[in-house]
Protein backbone atom coordinates (compact mmCIF):
# COMPACT_ATOMS: atom_id res chain seq x y z
CA MET A 1 19.69 94.70 -108.66
CA VAL A 2 16.13 95.53 -107.62
CA VAL A 3 16.60 99.32 -107.67
CA ALA A 4 17.99 99.32 -111.23
CA ALA A 5 15.32 96.92 -112.47
CA GLY A 6 12.65 99.15 -110.97
CA MET A 7 14.03 102.37 -112.50
CA SER A 8 11.43 103.93 -114.74
CA ALA A 9 11.99 104.83 -118.36
CA LEU A 10 11.64 108.46 -117.29
CA GLY A 11 14.54 108.03 -114.86
CA ARG A 12 16.75 106.64 -117.62
CA GLU A 13 15.80 109.53 -119.91
CA GLN A 14 16.77 112.08 -117.29
CA THR A 15 20.20 110.58 -116.64
CA GLY A 16 21.16 109.02 -120.00
CA GLU A 17 22.05 110.54 -123.30
CA ALA A 18 21.39 109.33 -126.82
CA VAL A 19 23.39 110.21 -129.91
CA LEU A 20 21.67 112.05 -132.73
CA THR A 21 23.56 111.88 -136.03
CA VAL A 22 22.39 114.13 -138.86
CA LYS A 23 23.91 114.00 -142.34
CA VAL A 24 23.33 117.13 -144.45
CA VAL A 25 22.99 116.55 -148.20
CA ASP A 26 22.15 118.50 -151.38
CA VAL A 27 24.32 121.50 -150.48
CA ARG A 28 24.70 123.49 -153.73
CA ASN A 29 28.22 124.78 -153.08
CA HIS A 30 30.98 124.90 -150.46
CA LYS A 31 30.60 128.61 -149.70
CA GLY A 32 30.06 129.64 -146.09
CA ASP A 33 28.82 127.54 -143.19
CA LEU A 34 26.11 125.11 -142.24
CA ILE A 35 24.34 126.13 -139.02
CA PHE A 36 22.69 123.23 -137.19
CA GLY A 37 20.19 123.69 -134.37
CA VAL A 38 18.18 121.23 -132.28
CA PHE A 39 15.08 122.43 -130.44
CA LYS A 40 12.92 120.88 -127.72
CA THR A 41 9.97 123.21 -128.43
CA GLY A 42 8.76 125.41 -131.26
CA ASP A 43 9.85 128.51 -129.31
CA GLY A 44 12.73 129.96 -131.33
CA PHE A 45 12.66 127.23 -133.99
CA PRO A 46 14.54 127.17 -136.31
CA LYS A 47 16.83 130.16 -135.89
CA GLU A 48 17.35 131.28 -132.30
CA LYS A 49 20.56 129.88 -130.89
CA SER A 50 19.63 130.87 -127.32
CA LYS A 51 16.49 128.70 -127.45
CA SER A 52 18.17 125.62 -128.92
CA VAL A 53 19.39 122.62 -126.93
CA ASN A 54 22.30 122.09 -129.34
CA TRP A 55 23.85 124.55 -131.81
CA GLN A 56 26.79 123.85 -134.11
CA VAL A 57 28.44 125.57 -137.07
CA LYS A 58 30.62 123.77 -139.63
CA ALA A 59 32.10 124.73 -142.98
CA ALA A 60 29.79 123.84 -145.89
CA GLY A 61 30.59 120.67 -147.78
CA ASP A 62 28.98 117.91 -149.84
CA ALA A 63 27.88 115.72 -146.92
CA VAL A 64 28.53 117.31 -143.53
CA VAL A 65 27.64 115.24 -140.45
CA PHE A 66 26.54 116.71 -137.12
CA THR A 67 26.34 114.67 -133.92
CA ALA A 68 24.69 115.70 -130.66
CA LYS A 69 24.32 113.92 -127.32
CA LEU A 70 20.85 114.61 -125.92
CA PRO A 71 18.42 113.03 -123.48
CA PRO A 72 15.96 110.75 -125.30
CA GLY A 73 12.82 112.65 -126.23
CA ARG A 74 11.10 114.64 -128.96
CA TYR A 75 12.99 117.28 -130.94
CA GLY A 76 13.03 119.25 -134.16
CA ALA A 77 16.27 120.13 -135.94
CA SER A 78 17.20 122.54 -138.70
CA VAL A 79 20.17 123.40 -140.92
CA LEU A 80 20.79 126.73 -142.64
CA HIS A 81 23.32 127.03 -145.47
CA ASP A 82 24.71 130.43 -144.46
CA GLU A 83 26.63 131.12 -147.66
CA ASN A 84 27.83 134.60 -146.66
CA ARG A 85 28.54 133.69 -143.00
CA ASN A 86 26.40 136.47 -141.53
CA GLY A 87 24.63 134.10 -139.12
CA GLN A 88 21.12 134.50 -140.50
CA MET A 89 18.80 133.50 -143.35
CA ASP A 90 19.05 136.09 -146.09
CA LYS A 91 15.92 136.94 -148.11
CA ASP A 92 15.24 138.99 -151.23
CA ALA A 93 12.99 142.06 -151.41
CA LEU A 94 9.91 139.80 -151.66
CA GLY A 95 10.88 137.81 -148.57
CA ILE A 96 11.97 134.72 -150.49
CA PRO A 97 15.01 132.96 -148.97
CA VAL A 98 18.19 133.31 -151.02
CA GLU A 99 20.06 130.76 -148.89
CA GLY A 100 19.09 127.12 -148.47
CA TYR A 101 17.74 125.39 -145.41
CA GLY A 102 16.25 122.09 -144.32
CA VAL A 103 14.64 120.51 -141.28
CA THR A 104 14.27 116.98 -139.97
CA ASN A 105 11.70 114.83 -141.80
CA ASN A 106 12.41 116.93 -144.93
CA PRO A 107 8.96 118.52 -145.44
CA LYS A 108 8.78 120.60 -148.63
CA PRO A 109 6.26 123.40 -148.04
CA ALA A 110 6.15 125.59 -151.15
CA MET A 111 4.97 128.97 -149.92
CA ARG A 112 6.01 129.02 -146.27
CA ALA A 113 8.72 127.91 -143.88
CA ALA A 114 8.59 124.42 -142.39
CA THR A 115 7.02 124.27 -138.93
CA PHE A 116 8.40 122.75 -135.75
CA GLU A 117 5.57 120.18 -135.82
CA GLU A 118 6.64 119.06 -139.31
CA ALA A 119 10.22 118.66 -138.08
CA LEU A 120 9.37 116.73 -134.88
CA PHE A 121 11.03 113.35 -134.37
CA THR A 122 11.62 111.01 -131.45
CA LEU A 123 15.18 110.36 -130.29
CA PRO A 124 15.20 106.92 -128.62
CA LYS A 125 17.78 105.89 -126.03
CA GLU A 126 19.53 103.83 -128.74
CA GLY A 127 20.16 107.01 -130.74
CA LYS A 128 19.06 107.93 -134.23
CA GLU A 129 20.56 108.69 -137.65
CA MET A 130 18.78 111.14 -139.94
CA THR A 131 19.41 113.02 -143.18
CA ILE A 132 18.45 116.63 -143.87
CA SER A 133 18.24 117.65 -147.51
CA ILE A 134 18.93 121.35 -148.09
CA GLN A 135 16.40 123.08 -150.33
CA TYR A 136 16.86 126.32 -152.21
CA PHE A 137 14.16 128.65 -153.50
CA ARG A 138 16.26 130.59 -156.01
């Protein structure tokens, strides 16, 4: 059909959805929840549910898998191991995280949080499988 053949890639992106599958590994225990968020921009990344395009919470386990249906495009995703189930990253008196977290692409900045730019990935129309490794600072 001529109309379908002439449809732009942009048109397919606006109407189709791709499946993002993220496996979470290196969780140190089964306490609490894993909070997964996907963001289209750096605004609110990685912790503001209201600014995410997908937000899920699952009980912590050895290898939890999250799936999200999203339009193809560029995103950044994060996972927080919320061990005490209070819905936020807990820090000690010096500001060092006491709960683990990870982001897509698994950057390992030592003295700061990972940025949205470091977590950016492209979700193609065929979908994508990724792994996020949880890191702990104490």
